[in-house]
Amino acid sequence: MVDDSSPKIEVGQLNVHYGALQVLRDVTLSIRRNEILGVIGPANSGKTSFLRVLNRLLDLSPDVRVKGDICLDAKNIYTKMSAEEVRKRVGMVFALPQPLPMTIFDNVAYGPRRHGTRDQNKLAEIVEKSLSAAFLWDEVKDRLSFSGMKLSGGQQQRLCIARTLAVEPEVILYDEPCSGLDPISTAKVEEAMFELKSRYTQVLVTNNVKQAARVGDRVAFFLMGELVELDRAARIFTAPRDKRTDDYVTGRFG
């Protein structure tokens, strides 16, 4: 049995190279259970690479080398788990909504079907539960047979969150999920994140420092592949320990 007080994810001495280019340097941190960890930093700071290494998406790039330890519930995701198991337990929502070219219902049911669920009543239950958790059910419950591609951008992003939730992950990674959304849609996505905290650990990469301040329990600041500072969001945005963090969050660079 896993101790609820132990970290959900532990990263130790993580180094990532794309060919000869090193994009992450000796990153060590822990991600707590049921927290929202915000990850901020300027372009090319290693934020997205950090996110992708957490669910082994970098395995798909042949020139990438990963060294160091990443443990999920104290189990190394590279030596003790298959990539398929990792990606089922650690879901990801990308910057641009990527609904599948099928109905709203089938978008959400896609993952459970791939994992062997065939019972239509069970699928309907999963679809309703997932869409409700993503704050989308009330908006689409009467048009589940419509194409997911017909939804607005904000609705499409929440559909992608619902699709991720449908396979019952334990961790959700977000790679700038609101970068193309208007303020109202952004608020709805953030509301969904808050509601999901009781059941999921979440990691949010964002270029919007105000969003990190609003949503994050703790915030990690990356710069040129290094983790400069990790602390409570309130501390990062009011009294950071490192001058580079202060310069970034106050807009002096980045």
C-alpha atoms as a PDB file:
ATOM      1  CA  MET A   1       0.000   0.000   0.000  1.00  0.00           C
ATOM      2  CA  VAL A   2       1.264   3.472  -0.914  1.00  0.00           C
ATOM      3  CA  ASP A   3       1.685   5.983   1.913  1.00  0.00           C
ATOM      4  CA  ASP A   4      -0.636   8.923   1.177  1.00  0.00           C
ATOM      5  CA  SER A   5       1.928  11.308   2.647  1.00  0.00           C
ATOM      6  CA  SER A   6       4.661  10.186   0.247  1.00  0.00           C
ATOM      7  CA  PRO A   7       5.272  12.076  -3.033  1.00  0.00           C
ATOM      8  CA  LYS A   8       3.303  10.959  -6.064  1.00  0.00           C
ATOM      9  CA  ILE A   9       6.262  11.554  -8.388  1.00  0.00           C
ATOM     10  CA  GLU A  10       9.927  11.832  -7.480  1.00  0.00           C
ATOM     11  CA  VAL A  11      12.498  13.103  -9.978  1.00  0.00           C
ATOM     12  CA  GLY A  12      16.184  12.696  -9.222  1.00  0.00           C
ATOM     13  CA  GLN A  13      19.197  14.049 -11.130  1.00  0.00           C
ATOM     14  CA  LEU A  14      17.246  14.175 -14.393  1.00  0.00           C
ATOM     15  CA  ASN A  15      19.270  15.016 -17.507  1.00  0.00           C
ATOM     16  CA  VAL A  16      17.817  15.089 -21.012  1.00  0.00           C
ATOM     17  CA  HIS A  17      19.717  15.493 -24.301  1.00  0.00           C
ATOM     18  CA  TYR A  18      18.343  16.000 -27.803  1.00  0.00           C
ATOM     19  CA  GLY A  19      21.340  14.764 -29.735  1.00  0.00           C
ATOM     20  CA  ALA A  20      24.218  16.964 -28.564  1.00  0.00           C
ATOM     21  CA  LEU A  21      21.897  19.575 -27.048  1.00  0.00           C
ATOM     22  CA  GLN A  22      21.230  19.272 -23.324  1.00  0.00           C
ATOM     23  CA  VAL A  23      17.755  20.557 -22.464  1.00  0.00           C
ATOM     24  CA  LEU A  24      17.467  19.522 -18.786  1.00  0.00           C
ATOM     25  CA  ARG A  25      20.307  19.563 -16.251  1.00  0.00           C
ATOM     26  CA  ASP A  26      20.283  17.683 -12.933  1.00  0.00           C
ATOM     27  CA  VAL A  27      16.621  18.362 -12.160  1.00  0.00           C
ATOM     28  CA  THR A  28      15.562  17.003  -8.784  1.00  0.00           C
ATOM     29  CA  LEU A  29      12.106  17.566  -7.280  1.00  0.00           C
ATOM     30  CA  SER A  30       9.078  15.854  -5.797  1.00  0.00           C
ATOM     31  CA  ILE A  31       5.464  16.294  -6.877  1.00  0.00           C
ATOM     32  CA  ARG A  32       2.951  15.902  -4.081  1.00  0.00           C
ATOM     33  CA  ARG A  33      -0.271  13.949  -4.239  1.00  0.00           C
ATOM     34  CA  ASN A  34      -3.330  15.952  -5.273  1.00  0.00           C
ATOM     35  CA  GLU A  35      -1.421  19.170  -5.802  1.00  0.00           C
ATOM     36  CA  ILE A  36      -1.352  21.387  -8.866  1.00  0.00           C
ATOM     37  CA  LEU A  37       2.289  22.062  -9.643  1.00  0.00           C
ATOM     38  CA  GLY A  38       2.741  25.052 -11.928  1.00  0.00           C
ATOM     39  CA  VAL A  39       5.832  25.046 -14.153  1.00  0.00           C
ATOM     40  CA  ILE A  40       6.968  28.396 -15.538  1.00  0.00           C
ATOM     41  CA  GLY A  41       9.970  29.787 -17.397  1.00  0.00           C
ATOM     42  CA  PRO A  42      10.919  31.496 -20.657  1.00  0.00           C
ATOM     43  CA  ALA A  43      11.064  29.741 -24.030  1.00  0.00           C
ATOM     44  CA  ASN A  44      13.678  26.984 -24.297  1.00  0.00           C
ATOM     45  CA  SER A  45      13.857  26.555 -20.538  1.00  0.00           C
ATOM     46  CA  GLY A  46      12.992  22.833 -20.691  1.00  0.00           C
ATOM     47  CA  LYS A  47       9.397  23.032 -19.426  1.00  0.00           C
ATOM     48  CA  THR A  48       7.791  20.909 -22.142  1.00  0.00           C
ATOM     49  CA  SER A  49      10.663  18.417 -22.150  1.00  0.00           C
ATOM     50  CA  PHE A  50      10.192  18.012 -18.399  1.00  0.00           C
ATOM     51  CA  LEU A  51       6.494  17.379 -18.898  1.00  0.00           C
ATOM     52  CA  ARG A  52       6.992  14.856 -21.696  1.00  0.00           C
ATOM     53  CA  VAL A  53       9.581  12.865 -19.808  1.00  0.00           C
ATOM     54  CA  LEU A  54       7.058  12.288 -16.998  1.00  0.00           C
ATOM     55  CA  ASN A  55       4.937  10.029 -19.201  1.00  0.00           C
ATOM     56  CA  ARG A  56       7.673   8.770 -21.511  1.00  0.00           C
ATOM     57  CA  LEU A  57       6.543  10.662 -24.594  1.00  0.00           C
ATOM     58  CA  LEU A  58      10.205  11.385 -25.287  1.00  0.00           C
ATOM     59  CA  ASP A  59      10.621   7.660 -25.977  1.00  0.00           C
ATOM     60  CA  LEU A  60       9.096   8.409 -29.383  1.00  0.00           C
ATOM     61  CA  SER A  61      12.101  10.567 -30.386  1.00  0.00           C
ATOM     62  CA  PRO A  62      15.089   8.375 -31.372  1.00  0.00           C
ATOM     63  CA  ASP A  63      17.759  11.034 -30.732  1.00  0.00           C
ATOM     64  CA  VAL A  64      16.689  11.731 -27.130  1.00  0.00           C
ATOM     65  CA  ARG A  65      18.718  10.459 -24.175  1.00  0.00           C
ATOM     66  CA  VAL A  66      17.252  10.465 -20.672  1.00  0.00           C
ATOM     67  CA  LYS A  67      19.391   9.896 -17.578  1.00  0.00           C
ATOM     68  CA  GLY A  68      18.270  10.019 -13.973  1.00  0.00           C
ATOM     69  CA  ASP A  69      15.384   8.630 -11.960  1.00  0.00           C
ATOM     70  CA  ILE A  70      11.664   9.261 -12.276  1.00  0.00           C
ATOM     71  CA  CYS A  71       9.486   7.297  -9.864  1.00  0.00           C
ATOM     72  CA  LEU A  72       5.696   7.079  -9.760  1.00  0.00           C
ATOM     73  CA  ASP A  73       4.549   5.825  -6.354  1.00  0.00           C
ATOM     74  CA  ALA A  74       8.200   4.879  -5.677  1.00  0.00           C
ATOM     75  CA  LYS A  75       8.354   2.749  -8.854  1.00  0.00           C
ATOM     76  CA  ASN A  76      10.817   3.768 -11.589  1.00  0.00           C
ATOM     77  CA  ILE A  77       8.833   4.491 -14.754  1.00  0.00           C
ATOM     78  CA  TYR A  78      11.756   3.575 -17.027  1.00  0.00           C
ATOM     79  CA  THR A  79      13.019   0.368 -15.430  1.00  0.00           C
ATOM     80  CA  LYS A  80       9.958  -1.038 -13.646  1.00  0.00           C
ATOM     81  CA  MET A  81       7.052  -0.032 -15.896  1.00  0.00           C
ATOM     82  CA  SER A  82       6.126  -0.290 -19.566  1.00  0.00           C
ATOM     83  CA  ALA A  83       5.536   2.890 -21.547  1.00  0.00           C
ATOM     84  CA  GLU A  84       1.908   1.820 -22.039  1.00  0.00           C
ATOM     85  CA  GLU A  85       1.344   1.502 -18.290  1.00  0.00           C
ATOM     86  CA  VAL A  86       2.977   4.873 -17.665  1.00  0.00           C
ATOM     87  CA  ARG A  87       0.810   6.639 -20.250  1.00  0.00           C
ATOM     88  CA  LYS A  88      -2.348   5.089 -18.848  1.00  0.00           C
ATOM     89  CA  ARG A  89      -1.501   6.294 -15.338  1.00  0.00           C
ATOM     90  CA  VAL A  90      -0.098   9.665 -16.463  1.00  0.00           C
ATOM     91  CA  GLY A  91      -2.355  11.419 -18.992  1.00  0.00           C
ATOM     92  CA  MET A  92      -1.528  14.515 -21.006  1.00  0.00           C
ATOM     93  CA  VAL A  93      -3.474  17.465 -22.408  1.00  0.00           C
ATOM     94  CA  PHE A  94      -1.710  19.422 -25.137  1.00  0.00           C
ATOM     95  CA  ALA A  95      -1.570  23.120 -25.989  1.00  0.00           C
ATOM     96  CA  LEU A  96      -3.872  22.886 -28.993  1.00  0.00           C
ATOM     97  CA  PRO A  97      -7.100  20.910 -28.598  1.00  0.00           C
ATOM     98  CA  GLN A  98      -6.858  17.673 -30.549  1.00  0.00           C
ATOM     99  CA  PRO A  99     -10.318  16.109 -30.716  1.00  0.00           C
ATOM    100  CA  LEU A 100     -10.532  12.932 -32.753  1.00  0.00           C
ATOM    101  CA  PRO A 101     -12.564  13.084 -35.999  1.00  0.00           C
ATOM    102  CA  MET A 102     -15.543  11.318 -34.444  1.00  0.00           C
ATOM    103  CA  THR A 103     -18.533  12.036 -32.236  1.00  0.00           C
ATOM    104  CA  ILE A 104     -18.286  13.646 -28.808  1.00  0.00           C
ATOM    105  CA  PHE A 105     -19.322  10.313 -27.264  1.00  0.00           C
ATOM    106  CA  ASP A 106     -16.740   8.328 -29.208  1.00  0.00           C
ATOM    107  CA  ASN A 107     -13.993  10.829 -28.390  1.00  0.00           C
ATOM    108  CA  VAL A 108     -14.434  10.138 -24.687  1.00  0.00           C
ATOM    109  CA  ALA A 109     -15.098   6.402 -25.113  1.00  0.00           C
ATOM    110  CA  TYR A 110     -12.030   5.931 -27.330  1.00  0.00           C
ATOM    111  CA  GLY A 111      -9.570   5.195 -24.515  1.00  0.00           C
ATOM    112  CA  PRO A 112     -11.790   2.826 -22.508  1.00  0.00           C
ATOM    113  CA  ARG A 113     -12.579   0.899 -25.705  1.00  0.00           C
ATOM    114  CA  ARG A 114      -8.879   0.541 -26.447  1.00  0.00           C
ATOM    115  CA  HIS A 115      -8.408  -0.857 -22.956  1.00  0.00           C
ATOM    116  CA  GLY A 116     -11.135  -3.457 -23.512  1.00  0.00           C
ATOM    117  CA  THR A 117     -14.401  -1.893 -22.312  1.00  0.00           C
ATOM    118  CA  ARG A 118     -17.201  -2.935 -24.696  1.00  0.00           C
ATOM    119  CA  ASP A 119     -20.367  -2.734 -22.592  1.00  0.00           C
ATOM    120  CA  GLN A 120     -22.379   0.205 -23.917  1.00  0.00           C
ATOM    121  CA  ASN A 121     -23.964   1.026 -20.562  1.00  0.00           C
ATOM    122  CA  LYS A 122     -20.553   1.111 -18.915  1.00  0.00           C
ATOM    123  CA  LEU A 123     -19.194   3.319 -21.703  1.00  0.00           C
ATOM    124  CA  ALA A 124     -22.147   5.702 -21.337  1.00  0.00           C
ATOM    125  CA  GLU A 125     -21.454   5.925 -17.609  1.00  0.00           C
ATOM    126  CA  ILE A 126     -17.763   6.687 -18.233  1.00  0.00           C
ATOM    127  CA  VAL A 127     -18.610   9.332 -20.846  1.00  0.00           C
ATOM    128  CA  GLU A 128     -21.060  11.161 -18.568  1.00  0.00           C
ATOM    129  CA  LYS A 129     -18.713  10.995 -15.575  1.00  0.00           C
ATOM    130  CA  SER A 130     -15.723  12.237 -17.587  1.00  0.00           C
ATOM    131  CA  LEU A 131     -17.584  15.054 -19.322  1.00  0.00           C
ATOM    132  CA  SER A 132     -19.061  16.155 -15.993  1.00  0.00           C
ATOM    133  CA  ALA A 133     -15.614  16.228 -14.379  1.00  0.00           C
ATOM    134  CA  ALA A 134     -14.366  18.368 -17.250  1.00  0.00           C
ATOM    135  CA  PHE A 135     -17.292  20.810 -16.824  1.00  0.00           C
ATOM    136  CA  LEU A 136     -18.654  19.984 -20.277  1.00  0.00           C
ATOM    137  CA  TRP A 137     -21.576  17.592 -19.724  1.00  0.00           C
ATOM    138  CA  ASP A 138     -24.302  20.217 -19.375  1.00  0.00           C
ATOM    139  CA  GLU A 139     -23.198  21.885 -22.620  1.00  0.00           C
ATOM    140  CA  VAL A 140     -23.097  18.727 -24.781  1.00  0.00           C
ATOM    141  CA  LYS A 141     -25.342  16.099 -23.156  1.00  0.00           C
ATOM    142  CA  ASP A 142     -28.017  16.566 -25.844  1.00  0.00           C
ATOM    143  CA  ARG A 143     -25.596  16.312 -28.777  1.00  0.00           C
ATOM    144  CA  LEU A 144     -23.254  13.467 -27.947  1.00  0.00           C
ATOM    145  CA  SER A 145     -23.687  12.155 -31.504  1.00  0.00           C
ATOM    146  CA  PHE A 146     -22.329  15.420 -32.979  1.00  0.00           C
ATOM    147  CA  SER A 147     -18.731  15.669 -34.132  1.00  0.00           C
ATOM    148  CA  GLY A 148     -16.228  16.769 -31.505  1.00  0.00           C
ATOM    149  CA  MET A 149     -14.637  18.891 -34.221  1.00  0.00           C
ATOM    150  CA  LYS A 150     -17.734  21.137 -34.233  1.00  0.00           C
ATOM    151  CA  LEU A 151     -17.228  22.363 -30.663  1.00  0.00           C
ATOM    152  CA  SER A 152     -15.667  25.708 -29.816  1.00  0.00           C
ATOM    153  CA  GLY A 153     -11.981  25.847 -28.942  1.00  0.00           C
ATOM    154  CA  GLY A 154     -12.622  25.960 -25.219  1.00  0.00           C
ATOM    155  CA  GLN A 155     -15.120  23.112 -25.426  1.00  0.00           C
ATOM    156  CA  GLN A 156     -12.669  21.072 -27.493  1.00  0.00           C
ATOM    157  CA  GLN A 157      -9.998  21.505 -24.824  1.00  0.00           C
ATOM    158  CA  ARG A 158     -12.392  20.362 -22.101  1.00  0.00           C
ATOM    159  CA  LEU A 159     -13.351  17.425 -24.362  1.00  0.00           C
ATOM    160  CA  CYS A 160      -9.669  16.498 -24.475  1.00  0.00           C
ATOM    161  CA  ILE A 161      -9.515  16.690 -20.671  1.00  0.00           C
ATOM    162  CA  ALA A 162     -12.584  14.417 -20.505  1.00  0.00           C
ATOM    163  CA  ARG A 163     -10.934  11.982 -22.928  1.00  0.00           C
ATOM    164  CA  THR A 164      -7.875  11.887 -20.662  1.00  0.00           C
ATOM    165  CA  LEU A 165     -10.021  11.320 -17.558  1.00  0.00           C
ATOM    166  CA  ALA A 166     -11.922   8.467 -19.209  1.00  0.00           C
ATOM    167  CA  VAL A 167      -8.979   6.072 -18.844  1.00  0.00           C
ATOM    168  CA  GLU A 168      -8.743   6.907 -15.127  1.00  0.00           C
ATOM    169  CA  PRO A 169      -5.194   8.248 -14.877  1.00  0.00           C
ATOM    170  CA  GLU A 170      -3.632   9.213 -11.569  1.00  0.00           C
ATOM    171  CA  VAL A 171      -1.682  12.194 -12.886  1.00  0.00           C
ATOM    172  CA  ILE A 172      -2.700  14.783 -15.498  1.00  0.00           C
ATOM    173  CA  LEU A 173      -0.084  16.817 -17.352  1.00  0.00           C
ATOM    174  CA  TYR A 174      -1.086  20.043 -19.119  1.00  0.00           C
ATOM    175  CA  ASP A 175       1.159  21.640 -21.743  1.00  0.00           C
ATOM    176  CA  GLU A 176      -0.075  25.249 -21.989  1.00  0.00           C
ATOM    177  CA  PRO A 177      -3.705  24.094 -22.284  1.00  0.00           C
ATOM    178  CA  CYS A 178      -5.150  27.619 -22.389  1.00  0.00           C
ATOM    179  CA  SER A 179      -2.670  29.252 -24.771  1.00  0.00           C
ATOM    180  CA  GLY A 180      -5.233  29.542 -27.574  1.00  0.00           C
ATOM    181  CA  LEU A 181      -8.339  30.167 -25.467  1.00  0.00           C
ATOM    182  CA  ASP A 182     -10.303  33.281 -24.587  1.00  0.00           C
ATOM    183  CA  PRO A 183     -10.594  34.358 -20.907  1.00  0.00           C
ATOM    184  CA  ILE A 184     -14.007  32.746 -20.379  1.00  0.00           C
ATOM    185  CA  SER A 185     -12.854  29.389 -21.769  1.00  0.00           C
ATOM    186  CA  THR A 186      -9.639  29.663 -19.772  1.00  0.00           C
ATOM    187  CA  ALA A 187     -11.643  30.211 -16.573  1.00  0.00           C
ATOM    188  CA  LYS A 188     -13.689  27.067 -17.249  1.00  0.00           C
ATOM    189  CA  VAL A 189     -10.558  24.967 -17.818  1.00  0.00           C
ATOM    190  CA  GLU A 190      -9.049  26.325 -14.593  1.00  0.00           C
ATOM    191  CA  GLU A 191     -12.293  25.586 -12.742  1.00  0.00           C
ATOM    192  CA  ALA A 192     -12.075  21.994 -13.953  1.00  0.00           C
ATOM    193  CA  MET A 193      -8.487  21.774 -12.646  1.00  0.00           C
ATOM    194  CA  PHE A 194      -9.588  22.935  -9.197  1.00  0.00           C
ATOM    195  CA  GLU A 195     -12.404  20.385  -9.107  1.00  0.00           C
ATOM    196  CA  LEU A 196     -10.043  17.574 -10.150  1.00  0.00           C
ATOM    197  CA  LYS A 197      -7.588  18.239  -7.304  1.00  0.00           C
ATOM    198  CA  SER A 198      -9.344  15.921  -4.887  1.00  0.00           C
ATOM    199  CA  ARG A 199      -8.709  12.918  -7.154  1.00  0.00           C
ATOM    200  CA  TYR A 200      -5.688  13.699  -9.314  1.00  0.00           C
ATOM    201  CA  THR A 201      -2.160  15.042  -9.165  1.00  0.00           C
ATOM    202  CA  GLN A 202      -1.756  17.744 -11.826  1.00  0.00           C
ATOM    203  CA  VAL A 203       1.249  19.418 -13.458  1.00  0.00           C
ATOM    204  CA  LEU A 204       0.592  22.597 -15.439  1.00  0.00           C
ATOM    205  CA  VAL A 205       3.168  24.065 -17.818  1.00  0.00           C
ATOM    206  CA  THR A 206       2.136  27.619 -18.628  1.00  0.00           C
ATOM    207  CA  ASN A 207       3.656  30.749 -20.126  1.00  0.00           C
ATOM    208  CA  ASN A 208       1.053  32.780 -18.234  1.00  0.00           C
ATOM    209  CA  VAL A 209       2.554  33.562 -14.818  1.00  0.00           C
ATOM    210  CA  LYS A 210      -0.797  34.926 -13.628  1.00  0.00           C
ATOM    211  CA  GLN A 211      -2.369  31.564 -14.393  1.00  0.00           C
ATOM    212  CA  ALA A 212       0.363  29.782 -12.435  1.00  0.00           C
ATOM    213  CA  ALA A 213      -0.321  32.132  -9.519  1.00  0.00           C
ATOM    214  CA  ARG A 214      -4.083  31.495  -9.705  1.00  0.00           C
ATOM    215  CA  VAL A 215      -3.972  27.738 -10.127  1.00  0.00           C
ATOM    216  CA  GLY A 216      -0.729  26.398  -8.690  1.00  0.00           C
ATOM    217  CA  ASP A 217      -0.316  25.158  -5.138  1.00  0.00           C
ATOM    218  CA  ARG A 218       3.418  25.251  -5.739  1.00  0.00           C
ATOM    219  CA  VAL A 219       5.354  26.643  -8.691  1.00  0.00           C
ATOM    220  CA  ALA A 220       8.638  25.523 -10.258  1.00  0.00           C
ATOM    221  CA  PHE A 221      10.723  28.036 -12.197  1.00  0.00           C
ATOM    222  CA  PHE A 222      12.921  26.610 -14.951  1.00  0.00           C
ATOM    223  CA  LEU A 223      15.664  28.537 -16.746  1.00  0.00           C
ATOM    224  CA  MET A 224      17.943  27.177 -19.481  1.00  0.00           C
ATOM    225  CA  GLY A 225      17.234  23.587 -18.489  1.00  0.00           C
ATOM    226  CA  GLU A 226      17.782  24.059 -14.763  1.00  0.00           C
ATOM    227  CA  LEU A 227      15.285  24.104 -11.916  1.00  0.00           C
ATOM    228  CA  VAL A 228      16.032  27.471 -10.319  1.00  0.00           C
ATOM    229  CA  GLU A 229      13.380  27.503  -7.610  1.00  0.00           C
ATOM    230  CA  LEU A 230      10.406  25.514  -6.340  1.00  0.00           C
ATOM    231  CA  ASP A 231       8.132  26.848  -3.626  1.00  0.00           C
ATOM    232  CA  ARG A 232       4.567  27.694  -2.679  1.00  0.00           C
ATOM    233  CA  ALA A 233       2.935  29.863  -5.332  1.00  0.00           C
ATOM    234  CA  ALA A 234       2.410  32.678  -2.837  1.00  0.00           C
ATOM    235  CA  ARG A 235       6.124  32.685  -2.034  1.00  0.00           C
ATOM    236  CA  ILE A 236       7.272  32.504  -5.675  1.00  0.00           C
ATOM    237  CA  PHE A 237       5.159  35.518  -6.646  1.00  0.00           C
ATOM    238  CA  THR A 238       5.750  37.692  -3.586  1.00  0.00           C
ATOM    239  CA  ALA A 239       9.158  36.863  -2.125  1.00  0.00           C
ATOM    240  CA  PRO A 240      11.173  34.466  -4.296  1.00  0.00           C
ATOM    241  CA  ARG A 241      14.539  33.404  -2.960  1.00  0.00           C
ATOM    242  CA  ASP A 242      16.398  33.685  -6.278  1.00  0.00           C
ATOM    243  CA  LYS A 243      16.804  37.008  -8.091  1.00  0.00           C
ATOM    244  CA  ARG A 244      16.336  35.272 -11.459  1.00  0.00           C
ATOM    245  CA  THR A 245      12.901  34.105 -10.354  1.00  0.00           C
ATOM    246  CA  ASP A 246      11.999  37.605  -9.222  1.00  0.00           C
ATOM    247  CA  ASP A 247      13.202  39.080 -12.525  1.00  0.00           C
ATOM    248  CA  TYR A 248      11.071  36.617 -14.479  1.00  0.00           C
ATOM    249  CA  VAL A 249       7.813  36.876 -12.531  1.00  0.00           C
ATOM    250  CA  THR A 250       8.026  40.686 -12.487  1.00  0.00           C
ATOM    251  CA  GLY A 251       8.538  40.799 -16.242  1.00  0.00           C
ATOM    252  CA  ARG A 252      12.146  41.992 -16.355  1.00  0.00           C
ATOM    253  CA  PHE A 253      12.903  39.236 -18.862  1.00  0.00           C
ATOM    254  CA  GLY A 254      11.190  36.318 -20.606  1.00  0.00           C
END
